[in-house]
Amino acid sequence: MAHGSSGQGRLRRVGRELVKFGAVGGAGLLVNLGVFNLVRQLTDLPVVRASVIATVVSIVFNYIGFRYFTYRDRDKSGRTKELTLFLLFSAVGLVIENGLLFAATYGFGWDSPLQSNVFKFLGIGVATLFRFWSYRTWVFRALPAKEAVAGAESFLTEESLIGEQTRKAKARQRVG
């Protein structure tokens, strides 16, 4: 029974993580598509360049959302490493996302605004699957259980030592 309930707890945690990831990702999707269409309307940049600009803007937006909302409880000790890995995996996601758009635009000639948005959206979807796996596995890592237990044990040991010293001091006061 305990095994099943711990499995359910893990499933609930992953479910909550997926919801938070989806909330940030959904907002990032709106930023990405909004910037993409804005750049396409206001400039003469080719479709894939406009898409890359939009993807970079959404990567910055998503990092802030993931670090301070989705994964705020995760290990924060190696921010430089975390940011480096985030940018590396985001760059791979950028290639996946914009590679699909590139293939549709230049390989098949599908470059109307509607077609560009459809393939941009599909590229984001495929890249999101990769990003979810890579961010949770490599970037925003959970604290190892061993470290969490050691931290809790050291806290409890310190508390019990302080309590023991207090009891001894009170006993000396009574005797003296």
C-alpha atoms as a PDB file:
ATOM      1  CA  MET A   1       0.000   0.000   0.000  1.00  0.00           C
ATOM      2  CA  ALA A   2       2.771   2.438   0.902  1.00  0.00           C
ATOM      3  CA  HIS A   3       4.473   1.733  -2.415  1.00  0.00           C
ATOM      4  CA  GLY A   4       1.322   2.665  -4.328  1.00  0.00           C
ATOM      5  CA  SER A   5       0.779   5.847  -2.360  1.00  0.00           C
ATOM      6  CA  SER A   6       4.381   7.010  -2.927  1.00  0.00           C
ATOM      7  CA  GLY A   7       3.872   6.325  -6.633  1.00  0.00           C
ATOM      8  CA  GLN A   8       0.706   8.413  -6.554  1.00  0.00           C
ATOM      9  CA  GLY A   9       2.564  11.209  -4.771  1.00  0.00           C
ATOM     10  CA  ARG A  10       5.268  11.147  -7.432  1.00  0.00           C
ATOM     11  CA  LEU A  11       2.614  11.163 -10.148  1.00  0.00           C
ATOM     12  CA  ARG A  12       0.923  14.179  -8.510  1.00  0.00           C
ATOM     13  CA  ARG A  13       4.263  16.041  -8.297  1.00  0.00           C
ATOM     14  CA  VAL A  14       4.994  15.383 -11.975  1.00  0.00           C
ATOM     15  CA  GLY A  15       1.415  16.444 -12.788  1.00  0.00           C
ATOM     16  CA  ARG A  16       1.866  19.739 -10.911  1.00  0.00           C
ATOM     17  CA  GLU A  17       5.196  20.239 -12.649  1.00  0.00           C
ATOM     18  CA  LEU A  18       3.565  19.649 -16.036  1.00  0.00           C
ATOM     19  CA  VAL A  19       0.822  22.184 -15.243  1.00  0.00           C
ATOM     20  CA  LYS A  20       3.366  24.823 -14.182  1.00  0.00           C
ATOM     21  CA  PHE A  21       5.592  24.029 -17.169  1.00  0.00           C
ATOM     22  CA  GLY A  22       2.521  24.306 -19.405  1.00  0.00           C
ATOM     23  CA  ALA A  23       1.492  27.649 -17.898  1.00  0.00           C
ATOM     24  CA  VAL A  24       4.911  29.176 -18.481  1.00  0.00           C
ATOM     25  CA  GLY A  25       5.193  27.463 -21.859  1.00  0.00           C
ATOM     26  CA  GLY A  26       1.726  28.664 -22.893  1.00  0.00           C
ATOM     27  CA  ALA A  27       2.623  32.241 -22.025  1.00  0.00           C
ATOM     28  CA  GLY A  28       5.957  31.754 -23.830  1.00  0.00           C
ATOM     29  CA  LEU A  29       4.052  30.432 -26.850  1.00  0.00           C
ATOM     30  CA  LEU A  30       1.992  33.634 -26.948  1.00  0.00           C
ATOM     31  CA  VAL A  31       5.161  35.725 -26.635  1.00  0.00           C
ATOM     32  CA  ASN A  32       6.844  33.685 -29.379  1.00  0.00           C
ATOM     33  CA  LEU A  33       3.946  33.863 -31.844  1.00  0.00           C
ATOM     34  CA  GLY A  34       3.227  37.503 -30.968  1.00  0.00           C
ATOM     35  CA  VAL A  35       6.809  38.636 -31.547  1.00  0.00           C
ATOM     36  CA  PHE A  36       7.028  36.471 -34.684  1.00  0.00           C
ATOM     37  CA  ASN A  37       3.957  38.072 -36.262  1.00  0.00           C
ATOM     38  CA  LEU A  38       4.927  41.555 -35.091  1.00  0.00           C
ATOM     39  CA  VAL A  39       8.402  41.243 -36.638  1.00  0.00           C
ATOM     40  CA  ARG A  40       6.886  39.881 -39.854  1.00  0.00           C
ATOM     41  CA  GLN A  41       4.419  42.800 -40.031  1.00  0.00           C
ATOM     42  CA  LEU A  42       6.899  45.546 -39.172  1.00  0.00           C
ATOM     43  CA  THR A  43      10.003  44.393 -41.055  1.00  0.00           C
ATOM     44  CA  ASP A  44      11.013  42.776 -44.321  1.00  0.00           C
ATOM     45  CA  LEU A  45      13.024  40.060 -42.572  1.00  0.00           C
ATOM     46  CA  PRO A  46      12.754  36.571 -44.020  1.00  0.00           C
ATOM     47  CA  VAL A  47      10.333  34.306 -42.173  1.00  0.00           C
ATOM     48  CA  VAL A  48      12.945  32.121 -40.458  1.00  0.00           C
ATOM     49  CA  ARG A  49      14.963  35.121 -39.227  1.00  0.00           C
ATOM     50  CA  ALA A  50      11.795  36.628 -37.774  1.00  0.00           C
ATOM     51  CA  SER A  51      11.100  33.287 -36.143  1.00  0.00           C
ATOM     52  CA  VAL A  52      14.590  33.055 -34.628  1.00  0.00           C
ATOM     53  CA  ILE A  53      14.198  36.540 -33.102  1.00  0.00           C
ATOM     54  CA  ALA A  54      10.834  35.533 -31.634  1.00  0.00           C
ATOM     55  CA  THR A  55      12.278  32.281 -30.295  1.00  0.00           C
ATOM     56  CA  VAL A  56      15.142  34.110 -28.565  1.00  0.00           C
ATOM     57  CA  VAL A  57      12.722  36.552 -26.913  1.00  0.00           C
ATOM     58  CA  SER A  58      10.572  33.654 -25.699  1.00  0.00           C
ATOM     59  CA  ILE A  59      13.653  31.797 -24.383  1.00  0.00           C
ATOM     60  CA  VAL A  60      14.457  34.760 -22.117  1.00  0.00           C
ATOM     61  CA  PHE A  61      10.811  34.979 -21.026  1.00  0.00           C
ATOM     62  CA  ASN A  62      10.666  31.229 -20.359  1.00  0.00           C
ATOM     63  CA  TYR A  63      13.895  31.133 -18.328  1.00  0.00           C
ATOM     64  CA  ILE A  64      12.499  33.704 -15.932  1.00  0.00           C
ATOM     65  CA  GLY A  65       9.189  31.816 -15.687  1.00  0.00           C
ATOM     66  CA  PHE A  66      10.792  28.410 -15.214  1.00  0.00           C
ATOM     67  CA  ARG A  67      13.390  29.542 -12.670  1.00  0.00           C
ATOM     68  CA  TYR A  68      11.048  31.643 -10.528  1.00  0.00           C
ATOM     69  CA  PHE A  69       7.757  29.733 -10.954  1.00  0.00           C
ATOM     70  CA  THR A  70       7.936  26.191 -12.309  1.00  0.00           C
ATOM     71  CA  TYR A  71      11.261  25.145 -10.772  1.00  0.00           C
ATOM     72  CA  ARG A  72      11.643  27.646  -7.932  1.00  0.00           C
ATOM     73  CA  ASP A  73      12.072  24.796  -5.418  1.00  0.00           C
ATOM     74  CA  ARG A  74      14.944  23.201  -7.325  1.00  0.00           C
ATOM     75  CA  ASP A  75      18.660  23.392  -6.621  1.00  0.00           C
ATOM     76  CA  LYS A  76      19.920  26.965  -7.032  1.00  0.00           C
ATOM     77  CA  SER A  77      23.576  26.395  -6.155  1.00  0.00           C
ATOM     78  CA  GLY A  78      24.963  26.351  -9.696  1.00  0.00           C
ATOM     79  CA  ARG A  79      23.261  29.238 -11.492  1.00  0.00           C
ATOM     80  CA  THR A  80      26.036  29.638 -14.087  1.00  0.00           C
ATOM     81  CA  LYS A  81      25.885  25.951 -14.978  1.00  0.00           C
ATOM     82  CA  GLU A  82      22.070  26.063 -14.939  1.00  0.00           C
ATOM     83  CA  LEU A  83      21.948  29.046 -17.294  1.00  0.00           C
ATOM     84  CA  THR A  84      24.578  27.532 -19.590  1.00  0.00           C
ATOM     85  CA  LEU A  85      22.634  24.246 -19.843  1.00  0.00           C
ATOM     86  CA  PHE A  86      19.351  26.136 -20.284  1.00  0.00           C
ATOM     87  CA  LEU A  87      20.802  28.118 -23.171  1.00  0.00           C
ATOM     88  CA  LEU A  88      22.361  25.002 -24.714  1.00  0.00           C
ATOM     89  CA  PHE A  89      19.111  23.001 -24.629  1.00  0.00           C
ATOM     90  CA  SER A  90      17.131  26.080 -25.687  1.00  0.00           C
ATOM     91  CA  ALA A  91      19.432  26.434 -28.698  1.00  0.00           C
ATOM     92  CA  VAL A  92      18.729  22.808 -29.635  1.00  0.00           C
ATOM     93  CA  GLY A  93      15.010  23.573 -29.253  1.00  0.00           C
ATOM     94  CA  LEU A  94      15.475  26.672 -31.419  1.00  0.00           C
ATOM     95  CA  VAL A  95      17.038  24.517 -34.165  1.00  0.00           C
ATOM     96  CA  ILE A  96      14.198  21.964 -33.929  1.00  0.00           C
ATOM     97  CA  GLU A  97      11.507  24.647 -33.970  1.00  0.00           C
ATOM     98  CA  ASN A  98      12.974  26.730 -36.757  1.00  0.00           C
ATOM     99  CA  GLY A  99      14.275  23.755 -38.713  1.00  0.00           C
ATOM    100  CA  LEU A 100      10.697  22.614 -39.203  1.00  0.00           C
ATOM    101  CA  LEU A 101       9.678  26.107 -40.299  1.00  0.00           C
ATOM    102  CA  PHE A 102      12.711  26.293 -42.615  1.00  0.00           C
ATOM    103  CA  ALA A 103      11.822  22.941 -44.224  1.00  0.00           C
ATOM    104  CA  ALA A 104       8.203  24.014 -44.767  1.00  0.00           C
ATOM    105  CA  THR A 105       9.138  27.453 -46.109  1.00  0.00           C
ATOM    106  CA  TYR A 106      12.133  26.686 -48.295  1.00  0.00           C
ATOM    107  CA  GLY A 107      11.687  22.970 -48.901  1.00  0.00           C
ATOM    108  CA  PHE A 108       7.977  22.980 -49.756  1.00  0.00           C
ATOM    109  CA  GLY A 109       7.337  26.668 -50.510  1.00  0.00           C
ATOM    110  CA  TRP A 110       4.703  26.936 -47.781  1.00  0.00           C
ATOM    111  CA  ASP A 111       5.253  30.540 -46.804  1.00  0.00           C
ATOM    112  CA  SER A 112       1.881  32.241 -46.541  1.00  0.00           C
ATOM    113  CA  PRO A 113       1.260  33.899 -43.163  1.00  0.00           C
ATOM    114  CA  LEU A 114      -1.140  31.085 -42.195  1.00  0.00           C
ATOM    115  CA  GLN A 115       1.239  28.331 -43.295  1.00  0.00           C
ATOM    116  CA  SER A 116       4.158  30.006 -41.516  1.00  0.00           C
ATOM    117  CA  ASN A 117       2.155  30.225 -38.282  1.00  0.00           C
ATOM    118  CA  VAL A 118       1.028  26.607 -38.551  1.00  0.00           C
ATOM    119  CA  PHE A 119       4.580  25.315 -39.030  1.00  0.00           C
ATOM    120  CA  LYS A 120       5.943  27.700 -36.410  1.00  0.00           C
ATOM    121  CA  PHE A 121       3.342  26.294 -33.990  1.00  0.00           C
ATOM    122  CA  LEU A 122       4.162  22.682 -34.913  1.00  0.00           C
ATOM    123  CA  GLY A 123       7.878  23.380 -34.500  1.00  0.00           C
ATOM    124  CA  ILE A 124       7.251  24.871 -31.066  1.00  0.00           C
ATOM    125  CA  GLY A 125       5.282  21.750 -30.117  1.00  0.00           C
ATOM    126  CA  VAL A 126       8.016  19.317 -31.136  1.00  0.00           C
ATOM    127  CA  ALA A 127      10.721  21.481 -29.508  1.00  0.00           C
ATOM    128  CA  THR A 128       8.642  21.732 -26.308  1.00  0.00           C
ATOM    129  CA  LEU A 129       8.707  17.973 -25.826  1.00  0.00           C
ATOM    130  CA  PHE A 130      12.499  18.059 -26.053  1.00  0.00           C
ATOM    131  CA  ARG A 131      12.745  21.098 -23.768  1.00  0.00           C
ATOM    132  CA  PHE A 132      10.517  19.607 -21.062  1.00  0.00           C
ATOM    133  CA  TRP A 133      12.640  16.469 -20.899  1.00  0.00           C
ATOM    134  CA  SER A 134      15.991  18.283 -21.018  1.00  0.00           C
ATOM    135  CA  TYR A 135      15.104  21.077 -18.572  1.00  0.00           C
ATOM    136  CA  ARG A 136      13.769  18.742 -15.876  1.00  0.00           C
ATOM    137  CA  THR A 137      16.556  16.183 -16.411  1.00  0.00           C
ATOM    138  CA  TRP A 138      19.600  18.420 -16.797  1.00  0.00           C
ATOM    139  CA  VAL A 139      18.876  22.082 -16.062  1.00  0.00           C
ATOM    140  CA  PHE A 140      16.474  22.470 -13.130  1.00  0.00           C
ATOM    141  CA  ARG A 141      17.572  19.413 -11.192  1.00  0.00           C
ATOM    142  CA  ALA A 142      15.890  18.343  -8.001  1.00  0.00           C
ATOM    143  CA  LEU A 143      18.067  18.309  -4.945  1.00  0.00           C
ATOM    144  CA  PRO A 144      19.413  14.782  -4.501  1.00  0.00           C
ATOM    145  CA  ALA A 145      17.584  12.938  -1.725  1.00  0.00           C
ATOM    146  CA  LYS A 146      20.885  12.176   0.012  1.00  0.00           C
ATOM    147  CA  GLU A 147      21.690  15.915   0.287  1.00  0.00           C
ATOM    148  CA  ALA A 148      18.184  16.748   1.507  1.00  0.00           C
ATOM    149  CA  VAL A 149      18.337  14.048   4.181  1.00  0.00           C
ATOM    150  CA  ALA A 150      21.842  15.106   5.260  1.00  0.00           C
ATOM    151  CA  GLY A 151      20.682  18.708   5.551  1.00  0.00           C
ATOM    152  CA  ALA A 152      17.693  17.726   7.663  1.00  0.00           C
ATOM    153  CA  GLU A 153      19.822  15.463   9.857  1.00  0.00           C
ATOM    154  CA  SER A 154      22.427  18.184  10.463  1.00  0.00           C
ATOM    155  CA  PHE A 155      19.657  20.626  11.400  1.00  0.00           C
ATOM    156  CA  LEU A 156      18.190  18.107  13.844  1.00  0.00           C
ATOM    157  CA  THR A 157      21.618  17.307  15.270  1.00  0.00           C
ATOM    158  CA  GLU A 158      22.344  21.017  15.812  1.00  0.00           C
ATOM    159  CA  GLU A 159      18.961  21.473  17.488  1.00  0.00           C
ATOM    160  CA  SER A 160      19.518  18.497  19.789  1.00  0.00           C
ATOM    161  CA  LEU A 161      23.050  19.720  20.713  1.00  0.00           C
ATOM    162  CA  ILE A 162      21.697  23.174  21.572  1.00  0.00           C
ATOM    163  CA  GLY A 163      18.927  21.563  23.624  1.00  0.00           C
ATOM    164  CA  GLU A 164      21.436  19.344  25.451  1.00  0.00           C
ATOM    165  CA  GLN A 165      23.694  22.311  26.235  1.00  0.00           C
ATOM    166  CA  THR A 166      20.702  24.266  27.562  1.00  0.00           C
ATOM    167  CA  ARG A 167      19.655  21.362  29.808  1.00  0.00           C
ATOM    168  CA  LYS A 168      23.201  21.025  31.191  1.00  0.00           C
ATOM    169  CA  ALA A 169      23.435  24.776  31.861  1.00  0.00           C
ATOM    170  CA  LYS A 170      20.104  24.706  33.765  1.00  0.00           C
ATOM    171  CA  ALA A 171      21.232  21.686  35.766  1.00  0.00           C
ATOM    172  CA  ARG A 172      24.462  23.503  36.748  1.00  0.00           C
ATOM    173  CA  GLN A 173      22.431  26.543  37.818  1.00  0.00           C
ATOM    174  CA  ARG A 174      20.260  24.387  40.086  1.00  0.00           C
ATOM    175  CA  VAL A 175      23.276  22.705  41.638  1.00  0.00           C
ATOM    176  CA  GLY A 176      25.302  25.896  42.020  1.00  0.00           C
END
